[in-house]
Amino acid sequence: MLADLTIKDFLAETAGSAPVPGGGSISALNGAIAAALTEMVAHLTVGKKKYADVQDDIIALKAKADALQMELLDLVQKDAEMFEPLSKAYGLPKETEEQKAEKARTMEAALKDACSVPLLIMEK
């Protein structure tokens, strides 16, 4: 699982010759980091007298940020999994008309699937 790697190992995987992790996984990871920062601010705010009137709101936002962080961490892996078939489809043969047609069908399905996760990441 990509999200279980150390930071150094994740960076090494990203810098390697494999097509994943790629842009979608990196975007999801950056979103998870942003959610973690939101949680940090919530932790630093809760319990302070000067923010007592918004404490319930901050606690609710912290819970949302925590859930979002977990969702985005899951999408780090999901993006890699959904991109792999597309990566393989690029290598399909295309010498004959039948091969070209099969590659086009495979590419269309793989592109649709591969785009679904980055769209979900953007929504999050």
Protein backbone atom coordinates (compact mmCIF):
# COMPACT_ATOMS: atom_id res chain seq x y z
CA MET A 1 0.00 0.00 0.00
CA LEU A 2 1.43 3.34 -1.03
CA ALA A 3 0.07 5.17 2.02
CA ASP A 4 1.98 2.79 4.27
CA LEU A 5 5.38 3.69 2.80
CA THR A 6 7.76 6.01 4.60
CA ILE A 7 8.04 9.46 3.10
CA LYS A 8 11.46 8.62 1.67
CA ASP A 9 10.20 5.36 0.16
CA PHE A 10 7.13 7.07 -1.31
CA LEU A 11 9.36 9.69 -2.91
CA ALA A 12 11.66 6.98 -4.27
CA GLU A 13 8.65 5.19 -5.79
CA THR A 14 7.46 8.45 -7.32
CA ALA A 15 10.90 9.19 -8.76
CA GLY A 16 11.27 5.67 -10.17
CA SER A 17 10.49 4.38 -13.64
CA ALA A 18 7.07 2.90 -12.76
CA PRO A 19 4.03 4.91 -13.90
CA VAL A 20 2.60 4.93 -10.37
CA PRO A 21 2.37 6.69 -8.06
CA GLY A 22 1.53 9.51 -10.41
CA GLY A 23 -0.30 12.81 -10.41
CA GLY A 24 -3.55 11.54 -8.95
CA SER A 25 -1.85 9.75 -6.07
CA ILE A 26 0.32 12.78 -5.36
CA SER A 27 -2.74 15.06 -5.41
CA ALA A 28 -4.58 12.78 -3.00
CA LEU A 29 -1.58 12.70 -0.68
CA ASN A 30 -1.31 16.50 -0.75
CA GLY A 31 -5.02 16.74 0.09
CA ALA A 32 -4.56 14.34 3.01
CA ILE A 33 -1.67 16.46 4.28
CA ALA A 34 -3.82 19.60 4.03
CA ALA A 35 -6.57 17.84 6.00
CA ALA A 36 -4.00 16.88 8.65
CA LEU A 37 -2.95 20.52 8.94
CA THR A 38 -6.59 21.47 9.41
CA GLU A 39 -6.79 18.95 12.23
CA MET A 40 -3.65 20.43 13.79
CA VAL A 41 -5.20 23.88 13.83
CA ALA A 42 -8.35 22.44 15.38
CA HIS A 43 -6.31 20.77 18.11
CA LEU A 44 -4.54 24.06 18.80
CA THR A 45 -7.87 25.91 18.96
CA VAL A 46 -10.07 23.60 21.05
CA GLY A 47 -9.94 24.39 24.73
CA LYS A 48 -8.80 28.00 24.30
CA LYS A 49 -10.97 30.48 26.15
CA LYS A 50 -10.91 32.98 23.34
CA TYR A 51 -12.46 30.39 20.96
CA ALA A 52 -14.97 28.93 23.42
CA ASP A 53 -17.96 30.24 21.46
CA VAL A 54 -16.89 28.31 18.32
CA GLN A 55 -15.49 25.21 20.01
CA ASP A 56 -18.36 22.96 18.87
CA ASP A 57 -17.85 24.14 15.28
CA ILE A 58 -14.11 23.48 15.51
CA ILE A 59 -14.70 19.97 16.88
CA ALA A 60 -17.10 19.26 14.00
CA LEU A 61 -14.59 20.61 11.45
CA LYS A 62 -11.87 18.46 12.99
CA ALA A 63 -14.04 15.37 12.55
CA LYS A 64 -14.70 16.28 8.91
CA ALA A 65 -10.99 16.86 8.30
CA ASP A 66 -10.14 13.51 9.89
CA ALA A 67 -12.65 11.67 7.67
CA LEU A 68 -11.43 13.53 4.60
CA GLN A 69 -7.83 12.67 5.39
CA MET A 70 -8.69 8.95 5.53
CA GLU A 71 -10.70 9.13 2.30
CA LEU A 72 -7.85 10.85 0.49
CA LEU A 73 -5.28 8.36 1.80
CA ASP A 74 -7.44 5.58 0.36
CA LEU A 75 -7.51 7.43 -2.96
CA VAL A 76 -3.69 7.46 -3.09
CA GLN A 77 -3.80 3.70 -3.62
CA LYS A 78 -7.02 3.68 -5.64
CA ASP A 79 -5.53 6.07 -8.20
CA ALA A 80 -2.52 3.82 -8.68
CA GLU A 81 -4.74 0.76 -9.05
CA MET A 82 -7.02 2.41 -11.59
CA PHE A 83 -4.13 3.76 -13.65
CA GLU A 84 -2.32 0.44 -14.01
CA PRO A 85 -4.70 -1.03 -16.65
CA LEU A 86 -4.31 2.13 -18.71
CA SER A 87 -0.56 1.89 -18.48
CA LYS A 88 -0.74 -1.68 -19.76
CA ALA A 89 -3.19 -0.74 -22.51
CA TYR A 90 -0.68 1.66 -24.03
CA GLY A 91 1.54 -1.34 -24.74
CA LEU A 92 -1.08 -3.39 -26.57
CA PRO A 93 -0.15 -4.33 -30.14
CA LYS A 94 -1.61 -2.34 -33.02
CA GLU A 95 -0.26 -3.99 -36.16
CA THR A 96 -3.57 -5.34 -37.49
CA GLU A 97 -6.95 -3.66 -37.78
CA GLU A 98 -8.33 -6.11 -35.20
CA GLN A 99 -5.53 -5.25 -32.78
CA LYS A 100 -6.09 -1.54 -33.35
CA ALA A 101 -9.82 -1.92 -32.65
CA GLU A 102 -9.17 -3.98 -29.50
CA LYS A 103 -6.60 -1.48 -28.28
CA ALA A 104 -9.04 1.39 -28.87
CA ARG A 105 -11.80 -0.41 -26.92
CA THR A 106 -9.42 -1.25 -24.08
CA MET A 107 -7.98 2.26 -23.99
CA GLU A 108 -11.44 3.86 -23.87
CA ALA A 109 -12.51 1.77 -20.89
CA ALA A 110 -9.16 2.19 -19.13
CA LEU A 111 -9.13 5.96 -19.68
CA LYS A 112 -12.63 6.28 -18.23
CA ASP A 113 -11.64 4.29 -15.15
CA ALA A 114 -8.29 6.06 -14.75
CA CYS A 115 -9.97 9.48 -14.87
CA SER A 116 -12.60 8.57 -12.28
CA VAL A 117 -10.26 8.73 -9.29
CA PRO A 118 -8.65 12.12 -10.06
CA LEU A 119 -12.16 13.53 -10.51
CA LEU A 120 -13.12 12.16 -7.10
CA ILE A 121 -9.93 13.63 -5.62
CA MET A 122 -10.86 17.03 -7.04
CA GLU A 123 -14.34 16.74 -5.55
CA LYS A 124 -12.87 15.96 -2.13
